[in-house]
Amino acid sequence: MNRAIGPLREHDRTSRPPLLPTLQAYLAHAGRKAETARELHLNRQTLYNRLARIGELLGTDLDDPQTVLALSLALRARRHTT
């Protein structure tokens, strides 16, 4: 779990805006950016910028199904261990 989302958790401890809630909403909406932006009260460009930053921090492509699955599982495991 820490390997998958550890860099994001570290970012959120030291920087703003926190990005973990953005990732959680994005995955909850199955990658639908318009719905994610609406839930987070962001304009789409801000959401795109945050998603790009998440991808950079994690070294992943958020459009890759394997990546989405791994991150979803890591977030689910995190919920059950905290």
PDB file of N, CA and C in Angstrom:
ATOM      1  N   MET A   1       0.824  -1.184   0.000  1.00  0.00           N
ATOM      2  CA  MET A   1       0.000   0.000   0.000  1.00  0.00           C
ATOM      3  C   MET A   1       0.871   1.252   0.000  1.00  0.00           C
ATOM      4  N   ASN A   2       1.845   1.308   0.892  1.00  0.00           N
ATOM      5  CA  ASN A   2       2.681   2.495   0.993  1.00  0.00           C
ATOM      6  C   ASN A   2       3.454   2.751  -0.295  1.00  0.00           C
ATOM      7  N   ARG A   3       3.849   1.678  -0.967  1.00  0.00           N
ATOM      8  CA  ARG A   3       4.569   1.841  -2.220  1.00  0.00           C
ATOM      9  C   ARG A   3       3.688   2.514  -3.269  1.00  0.00           C
ATOM     10  N   ALA A   4       2.413   2.144  -3.282  1.00  0.00           N
ATOM     11  CA  ALA A   4       1.508   2.668  -4.301  1.00  0.00           C
ATOM     12  C   ALA A   4       1.137   4.126  -4.057  1.00  0.00           C
ATOM     13  N   ILE A   5       0.829   4.481  -2.812  1.00  0.00           N
ATOM     14  CA  ILE A   5       0.356   5.845  -2.543  1.00  0.00           C
ATOM     15  C   ILE A   5       1.234   6.615  -1.560  1.00  0.00           C
ATOM     16  N   GLY A   6       2.330   6.025  -1.143  1.00  0.00           N
ATOM     17  CA  GLY A   6       3.223   6.676  -0.186  1.00  0.00           C
ATOM     18  C   GLY A   6       3.671   8.072  -0.593  1.00  0.00           C
ATOM     19  N   PRO A   7       4.134   8.269  -1.833  1.00  0.00           N
ATOM     20  CA  PRO A   7       4.558   9.614  -2.227  1.00  0.00           C
ATOM     21  C   PRO A   7       3.422  10.642  -2.147  1.00  0.00           C
ATOM     22  N   LEU A   8       2.222  10.193  -2.406  1.00  0.00           N
ATOM     23  CA  LEU A   8       1.069  11.089  -2.330  1.00  0.00           C
ATOM     24  C   LEU A   8       0.761  11.458  -0.877  1.00  0.00           C
ATOM     25  N   ARG A   9       0.856  10.483  -0.002  1.00  0.00           N
ATOM     26  CA  ARG A   9       0.641  10.748   1.425  1.00  0.00           C
ATOM     27  C   ARG A   9       1.707  11.709   1.953  1.00  0.00           C
ATOM     28  N   GLU A  10       2.941  11.519   1.523  1.00  0.00           N
ATOM     29  CA  GLU A  10       4.029  12.416   1.941  1.00  0.00           C
ATOM     30  C   GLU A  10       3.762  13.837   1.436  1.00  0.00           C
ATOM     31  N   HIS A  11       3.365  13.962   0.192  1.00  0.00           N
ATOM     32  CA  HIS A  11       3.022  15.275  -0.363  1.00  0.00           C
ATOM     33  C   HIS A  11       1.963  15.954   0.491  1.00  0.00           C
ATOM     34  N   ASP A  12       0.924  15.225   0.827  1.00  0.00           N
ATOM     35  CA  ASP A  12      -0.193  15.812   1.566  1.00  0.00           C
ATOM     36  C   ASP A  12       0.199  16.232   2.978  1.00  0.00           C
ATOM     37  N   ARG A  13       1.227  15.614   3.525  1.00  0.00           N
ATOM     38  CA  ARG A  13       1.709  16.012   4.857  1.00  0.00           C
ATOM     39  C   ARG A  13       2.419  17.363   4.818  1.00  0.00           C
ATOM     40  N   THR A  14       3.019  17.686   3.677  1.00  0.00           N
ATOM     41  CA  THR A  14       3.873  18.870   3.620  1.00  0.00           C
ATOM     42  C   THR A  14       3.414  19.947   2.646  1.00  0.00           C
ATOM     43  N   SER A  15       2.453  19.651   1.781  1.00  0.00           N
ATOM     44  CA  SER A  15       2.082  20.597   0.724  1.00  0.00           C
ATOM     45  C   SER A  15       0.574  20.739   0.605  1.00  0.00           C
ATOM     46  N   ARG A  16       0.178  21.803  -0.036  1.00  0.00           N
ATOM     47  CA  ARG A  16      -1.228  22.063  -0.311  1.00  0.00           C
ATOM     48  C   ARG A  16      -1.392  22.338  -1.792  1.00  0.00           C
ATOM     49  N   PRO A  17      -2.499  22.025  -2.384  1.00  0.00           N
ATOM     50  CA  PRO A  17      -3.658  21.355  -1.789  1.00  0.00           C
ATOM     51  C   PRO A  17      -3.378  19.867  -1.607  1.00  0.00           C
ATOM     52  N   PRO A  18      -4.062  19.236  -0.667  1.00  0.00           N
ATOM     53  CA  PRO A  18      -3.901  17.787  -0.523  1.00  0.00           C
ATOM     54  C   PRO A  18      -4.433  17.090  -1.773  1.00  0.00           C
ATOM     55  N   LEU A  19      -3.705  16.098  -2.237  1.00  0.00           N
ATOM     56  CA  LEU A  19      -4.073  15.436  -3.485  1.00  0.00           C
ATOM     57  C   LEU A  19      -4.754  14.088  -3.290  1.00  0.00           C
ATOM     58  N   LEU A  20      -4.622  13.498  -2.129  1.00  0.00           N
ATOM     59  CA  LEU A  20      -5.252  12.198  -1.890  1.00  0.00           C
ATOM     60  C   LEU A  20      -6.771  12.263  -2.064  1.00  0.00           C
ATOM     61  N   PRO A  21      -7.458  13.293  -1.549  1.00  0.00           N
ATOM     62  CA  PRO A  21      -8.902  13.369  -1.787  1.00  0.00           C
ATOM     63  C   PRO A  21      -9.257  13.484  -3.273  1.00  0.00           C
ATOM     64  N   THR A  22      -8.398  14.144  -4.042  1.00  0.00           N
ATOM     65  CA  THR A  22      -8.630  14.244  -5.482  1.00  0.00           C
ATOM     66  C   THR A  22      -8.553  12.868  -6.119  1.00  0.00           C
ATOM     67  N   LEU A  23      -7.534  12.100  -5.758  1.00  0.00           N
ATOM     68  CA  LEU A  23      -7.396  10.749  -6.304  1.00  0.00           C
ATOM     69  C   LEU A  23      -8.574   9.876  -5.888  1.00  0.00           C
ATOM     70  N   GLN A  24      -8.979   9.972  -4.641  1.00  0.00           N
ATOM     71  CA  GLN A  24     -10.104   9.165  -4.164  1.00  0.00           C
ATOM     72  C   GLN A  24     -11.375   9.484  -4.945  1.00  0.00           C
ATOM     73  N   ALA A  25     -11.651  10.756  -5.153  1.00  0.00           N
ATOM     74  CA  ALA A  25     -12.850  11.147  -5.899  1.00  0.00           C
ATOM     75  C   ALA A  25     -12.754  10.695  -7.351  1.00  0.00           C
ATOM     76  N   TYR A  26     -11.583  10.847  -7.949  1.00  0.00           N
ATOM     77  CA  TYR A  26     -11.378  10.440  -9.342  1.00  0.00           C
ATOM     78  C   TYR A  26     -11.635   8.946  -9.515  1.00  0.00           C
ATOM     79  N   LEU A  27     -11.125   8.154  -8.605  1.00  0.00           N
ATOM     80  CA  LEU A  27     -11.333   6.706  -8.690  1.00  0.00           C
ATOM     81  C   LEU A  27     -12.780   6.344  -8.375  1.00  0.00           C
ATOM     82  N   ALA A  28     -13.398   7.045  -7.440  1.00  0.00           N
ATOM     83  CA  ALA A  28     -14.801   6.783  -7.097  1.00  0.00           C
ATOM     84  C   ALA A  28     -15.725   7.066  -8.277  1.00  0.00           C
ATOM     85  N   HIS A  29     -15.325   8.000  -9.122  1.00  0.00           N
ATOM     86  CA  HIS A  29     -16.116   8.337 -10.306  1.00  0.00           C
ATOM     87  C   HIS A  29     -15.603   7.614 -11.549  1.00  0.00           C
ATOM     88  N   ALA A  30     -14.830   6.561 -11.333  1.00  0.00           N
ATOM     89  CA  ALA A  30     -14.325   5.718 -12.430  1.00  0.00           C
ATOM     90  C   ALA A  30     -13.629   6.537 -13.515  1.00  0.00           C
ATOM     91  N   GLY A  31     -12.877   7.539 -13.096  1.00  0.00           N
ATOM     92  CA  GLY A  31     -12.099   8.319 -14.049  1.00  0.00           C
ATOM     93  C   GLY A  31     -12.888   9.361 -14.820  1.00  0.00           C
ATOM     94  N   ARG A  32     -14.128   9.563 -14.457  1.00  0.00           N
ATOM     95  CA  ARG A  32     -14.936  10.580 -15.149  1.00  0.00           C
ATOM     96  C   ARG A  32     -14.578  11.949 -14.566  1.00  0.00           C
ATOM     97  N   LYS A  33     -13.853  12.695 -15.371  1.00  0.00           N
ATOM     98  CA  LYS A  33     -13.275  13.950 -14.892  1.00  0.00           C
ATOM     99  C   LYS A  33     -14.322  15.019 -14.611  1.00  0.00           C
ATOM    100  N   ALA A  34     -15.331  15.133 -15.442  1.00  0.00           N
ATOM    101  CA  ALA A  34     -16.353  16.163 -15.222  1.00  0.00           C
ATOM    102  C   ALA A  34     -17.065  15.929 -13.891  1.00  0.00           C
ATOM    103  N   GLU A  35     -17.408  14.690 -13.608  1.00  0.00           N
ATOM    104  CA  GLU A  35     -18.081  14.372 -12.347  1.00  0.00           C
ATOM    105  C   GLU A  35     -17.156  14.600 -11.151  1.00  0.00           C
ATOM    106  N   THR A  36     -15.897  14.235 -11.324  1.00  0.00           N
ATOM    107  CA  THR A  36     -14.924  14.438 -10.246  1.00  0.00           C
ATOM    108  C   THR A  36     -14.764  15.926  -9.945  1.00  0.00           C
ATOM    109  N   ALA A  37     -14.614  16.725 -10.988  1.00  0.00           N
ATOM    110  CA  ALA A  37     -14.461  18.172 -10.807  1.00  0.00           C
ATOM    111  C   ALA A  37     -15.685  18.761 -10.113  1.00  0.00           C
ATOM    112  N   ARG A  38     -16.856  18.307 -10.519  1.00  0.00           N
ATOM    113  CA  ARG A  38     -18.087  18.806  -9.897  1.00  0.00           C
ATOM    114  C   ARG A  38     -18.131  18.478  -8.405  1.00  0.00           C
ATOM    115  N   GLU A  39     -17.809  17.225  -8.066  1.00  0.00           N
ATOM    116  CA  GLU A  39     -17.831  16.828  -6.652  1.00  0.00           C
ATOM    117  C   GLU A  39     -16.862  17.655  -5.815  1.00  0.00           C
ATOM    118  N   LEU A  40     -15.694  17.924  -6.376  1.00  0.00           N
ATOM    119  CA  LEU A  40     -14.658  18.648  -5.638  1.00  0.00           C
ATOM    120  C   LEU A  40     -14.791  20.170  -5.748  1.00  0.00           C
ATOM    121  N   HIS A  41     -15.790  20.628  -6.511  1.00  0.00           N
ATOM    122  CA  HIS A  41     -16.012  22.064  -6.713  1.00  0.00           C
ATOM    123  C   HIS A  41     -14.784  22.722  -7.342  1.00  0.00           C
ATOM    124  N   LEU A  42     -14.259  22.061  -8.386  1.00  0.00           N
ATOM    125  CA  LEU A  42     -13.097  22.560  -9.119  1.00  0.00           C
ATOM    126  C   LEU A  42     -13.480  22.788 -10.570  1.00  0.00           C
ATOM    127  N   ASN A  43     -12.780  23.710 -11.230  1.00  0.00           N
ATOM    128  CA  ASN A  43     -12.954  23.741 -12.675  1.00  0.00           C
ATOM    129  C   ASN A  43     -12.115  22.604 -13.251  1.00  0.00           C
ATOM    130  N   ARG A  44     -12.437  22.201 -14.457  1.00  0.00           N
ATOM    131  CA  ARG A  44     -11.779  21.010 -15.007  1.00  0.00           C
ATOM    132  C   ARG A  44     -10.278  21.186 -15.164  1.00  0.00           C
ATOM    133  N   GLN A  45      -9.834  22.367 -15.542  1.00  0.00           N
ATOM    134  CA  GLN A  45      -8.390  22.564 -15.716  1.00  0.00           C
ATOM    135  C   GLN A  45      -7.644  22.367 -14.402  1.00  0.00           C
ATOM    136  N   THR A  46      -8.215  22.828 -13.308  1.00  0.00           N
ATOM    137  CA  THR A  46      -7.599  22.612 -11.996  1.00  0.00           C
ATOM    138  C   THR A  46      -7.525  21.126 -11.695  1.00  0.00           C
ATOM    139  N   LEU A  47      -8.601  20.408 -11.999  1.00  0.00           N
ATOM    140  CA  LEU A  47      -8.583  18.957 -11.796  1.00  0.00           C
ATOM    141  C   LEU A  47      -7.504  18.314 -12.656  1.00  0.00           C
ATOM    142  N   TYR A  48      -7.420  18.696 -13.931  1.00  0.00           N
ATOM    143  CA  TYR A  48      -6.396  18.121 -14.814  1.00  0.00           C
ATOM    144  C   TYR A  48      -4.999  18.382 -14.260  1.00  0.00           C
ATOM    145  N   ASN A  49      -4.775  19.584 -13.743  1.00  0.00           N
ATOM    146  CA  ASN A  49      -3.468  19.906 -13.159  1.00  0.00           C
ATOM    147  C   ASN A  49      -3.176  19.027 -11.950  1.00  0.00           C
ATOM    148  N   ARG A  50      -4.174  18.831 -11.100  1.00  0.00           N
ATOM    149  CA  ARG A  50      -3.975  17.973  -9.925  1.00  0.00           C
ATOM    150  C   ARG A  50      -3.716  16.529 -10.339  1.00  0.00           C
ATOM    151  N   LEU A  51      -4.461  16.038 -11.316  1.00  0.00           N
ATOM    152  CA  LEU A  51      -4.251  14.657 -11.768  1.00  0.00           C
ATOM    153  C   LEU A  51      -2.862  14.487 -12.373  1.00  0.00           C
ATOM    154  N   ALA A  52      -2.410  15.490 -13.105  1.00  0.00           N
ATOM    155  CA  ALA A  52      -1.059  15.429 -13.670  1.00  0.00           C
ATOM    156  C   ALA A  52      -0.023  15.389 -12.552  1.00  0.00           C
ATOM    157  N   ARG A  53      -0.227  16.178 -11.529  1.00  0.00           N
ATOM    158  CA  ARG A  53       0.706  16.190 -10.386  1.00  0.00           C
ATOM    159  C   ARG A  53       0.688  14.852  -9.665  1.00  0.00           C
ATOM    160  N   ILE A  54      -0.487  14.269  -9.493  1.00  0.00           N
ATOM    161  CA  ILE A  54      -0.592  12.947  -8.871  1.00  0.00           C
ATOM    162  C   ILE A  54       0.190  11.933  -9.693  1.00  0.00           C
ATOM    163  N   GLY A  55       0.009  11.957 -11.000  1.00  0.00           N
ATOM    164  CA  GLY A  55       0.744  11.045 -11.873  1.00  0.00           C
ATOM    165  C   GLY A  55       2.246  11.218 -11.751  1.00  0.00           C
ATOM    166  N   GLU A  56       2.700  12.471 -11.667  1.00  0.00           N
ATOM    167  CA  GLU A  56       4.134  12.748 -11.497  1.00  0.00           C
ATOM    168  C   GLU A  56       4.646  12.199 -10.173  1.00  0.00           C
ATOM    169  N   LEU A  57       3.924  12.494  -9.105  1.00  0.00           N
ATOM    170  CA  LEU A  57       4.363  12.050  -7.777  1.00  0.00           C
ATOM    171  C   LEU A  57       4.428  10.535  -7.674  1.00  0.00           C
ATOM    172  N   LEU A  58       3.460   9.865  -8.282  1.00  0.00           N
ATOM    173  CA  LEU A  58       3.400   8.408  -8.184  1.00  0.00           C
ATOM    174  C   LEU A  58       4.162   7.708  -9.303  1.00  0.00           C
ATOM    175  N   GLY A  59       4.576   8.468 -10.312  1.00  0.00           N
ATOM    176  CA  GLY A  59       5.272   7.869 -11.448  1.00  0.00           C
ATOM    177  C   GLY A  59       4.381   6.918 -12.217  1.00  0.00           C
ATOM    178  N   THR A  60       3.101   7.297 -12.341  1.00  0.00           N
ATOM    179  CA  THR A  60       2.131   6.418 -12.982  1.00  0.00           C
ATOM    180  C   THR A  60       1.295   7.174 -13.997  1.00  0.00           C
ATOM    181  N   ASP A  61       0.588   6.403 -14.802  1.00  0.00           N
ATOM    182  CA  ASP A  61      -0.355   6.929 -15.778  1.00  0.00           C
ATOM    183  C   ASP A  61      -1.754   6.616 -15.275  1.00  0.00           C
ATOM    184  N   LEU A  62      -2.501   7.630 -14.895  1.00  0.00           N
ATOM    185  CA  LEU A  62      -3.827   7.413 -14.334  1.00  0.00           C
ATOM    186  C   LEU A  62      -4.848   6.947 -15.371  1.00  0.00           C
ATOM    187  N   ASP A  63      -4.454   6.896 -16.634  1.00  0.00           N
ATOM    188  CA  ASP A  63      -5.341   6.359 -17.668  1.00  0.00           C
ATOM    189  C   ASP A  63      -5.110   4.869 -17.893  1.00  0.00           C
ATOM    190  N   ASP A  64      -4.109   4.307 -17.229  1.00  0.00           N
ATOM    191  CA  ASP A  64      -3.795   2.885 -17.373  1.00  0.00           C
ATOM    192  C   ASP A  64      -4.673   2.059 -16.433  1.00  0.00           C
ATOM    193  N   PRO A  65      -5.435   1.096 -16.955  1.00  0.00           N
ATOM    194  CA  PRO A  65      -6.329   0.295 -16.108  1.00  0.00           C
ATOM    195  C   PRO A  65      -5.615  -0.445 -14.980  1.00  0.00           C
ATOM    196  N   GLN A  66      -4.421  -0.939 -15.217  1.00  0.00           N
ATOM    197  CA  GLN A  66      -3.669  -1.640 -14.169  1.00  0.00           C
ATOM    198  C   GLN A  66      -3.303  -0.684 -13.033  1.00  0.00           C
ATOM    199  N   THR A  67      -2.927   0.521 -13.401  1.00  0.00           N
ATOM    200  CA  THR A  67      -2.599   1.539 -12.406  1.00  0.00           C
ATOM    201  C   THR A  67      -3.822   1.888 -11.575  1.00  0.00           C
ATOM    202  N   VAL A  68      -4.942   2.089 -12.251  1.00  0.00           N
ATOM    203  CA  VAL A  68      -6.191   2.424 -11.555  1.00  0.00           C
ATOM    204  C   VAL A  68      -6.563   1.315 -10.578  1.00  0.00           C
ATOM    205  N   LEU A  69      -6.433   0.072 -11.005  1.00  0.00           N
ATOM    206  CA  LEU A  69      -6.744  -1.059 -10.124  1.00  0.00           C
ATOM    207  C   LEU A  69      -5.812  -1.070  -8.913  1.00  0.00           C
ATOM    208  N   ALA A  70      -4.522  -0.916  -9.149  1.00  0.00           N
ATOM    209  CA  ALA A  70      -3.552  -0.938  -8.046  1.00  0.00           C
ATOM    210  C   ALA A  70      -3.817   0.190  -7.054  1.00  0.00           C
ATOM    211  N   LEU A  71      -4.113   1.377  -7.554  1.00  0.00           N
ATOM    212  CA  LEU A  71      -4.380   2.505  -6.665  1.00  0.00           C
ATOM    213  C   LEU A  71      -5.688   2.317  -5.906  1.00  0.00           C
ATOM    214  N   SER A  72      -6.683   1.788  -6.577  1.00  0.00           N
ATOM    215  CA  SER A  72      -7.965   1.517  -5.911  1.00  0.00           C
ATOM    216  C   SER A  72      -7.784   0.526  -4.774  1.00  0.00           C
ATOM    217  N   LEU A  73      -7.015  -0.521  -5.026  1.00  0.00           N
ATOM    218  CA  LEU A  73      -6.761  -1.520  -3.985  1.00  0.00           C
ATOM    219  C   LEU A  73      -5.954  -0.927  -2.832  1.00  0.00           C
ATOM    220  N   ALA A  74      -4.975  -0.097  -3.155  1.00  0.00           N
ATOM    221  CA  ALA A  74      -4.166   0.533  -2.105  1.00  0.00           C
ATOM    222  C   ALA A  74      -5.019   1.450  -1.233  1.00  0.00           C
ATOM    223  N   LEU A  75      -5.912   2.202  -1.854  1.00  0.00           N
ATOM    224  CA  LEU A  75      -6.782   3.088  -1.077  1.00  0.00           C
ATOM    225  C   LEU A  75      -7.770   2.295  -0.233  1.00  0.00           C
ATOM    226  N   ARG A  76      -8.265   1.212  -0.784  1.00  0.00           N
ATOM    227  CA  ARG A  76      -9.180   0.356  -0.017  1.00  0.00           C
ATOM    228  C   ARG A  76      -8.451  -0.249   1.183  1.00  0.00           C
ATOM    229  N   ALA A  77      -7.238  -0.733   0.965  1.00  0.00           N
ATOM    230  CA  ALA A  77      -6.450  -1.309   2.062  1.00  0.00           C
ATOM    231  C   ALA A  77      -6.165  -0.247   3.119  1.00  0.00           C
ATOM    232  N   ARG A  78      -5.882   0.964   2.686  1.00  0.00           N
ATOM    233  CA  ARG A  78      -5.615   2.062   3.620  1.00  0.00           C
ATOM    234  C   ARG A  78      -6.830   2.337   4.496  1.00  0.00           C
ATOM    235  N   ARG A  79      -8.011   2.313   3.908  1.00  0.00           N
ATOM    236  CA  ARG A  79      -9.237   2.548   4.687  1.00  0.00           C
ATOM    237  C   ARG A  79      -9.435   1.483   5.752  1.00  0.00           C
ATOM    238  N   HIS A  80      -9.024   0.259   5.458  1.00  0.00           N
ATOM    239  CA  HIS A  80      -9.229  -0.842   6.396  1.00  0.00           C
ATOM    240  C   HIS A  80      -8.134  -0.938   7.457  1.00  0.00           C
ATOM    241  N   THR A  81      -7.039  -0.207   7.275  1.00  0.00           N
ATOM    242  CA  THR A  81      -5.947  -0.280   8.244  1.00  0.00           C
ATOM    243  C   THR A  81      -5.812   0.987   9.079  1.00  0.00           C
ATOM    244  N   THR A  82      -6.567   2.026   8.747  1.00  0.00           N
ATOM    245  CA  THR A  82      -6.462   3.272   9.529  1.00  0.00           C
ATOM    246  C   THR A  82      -7.703   3.501  10.347  1.00  0.00           C
TER     247      THR A  82
END
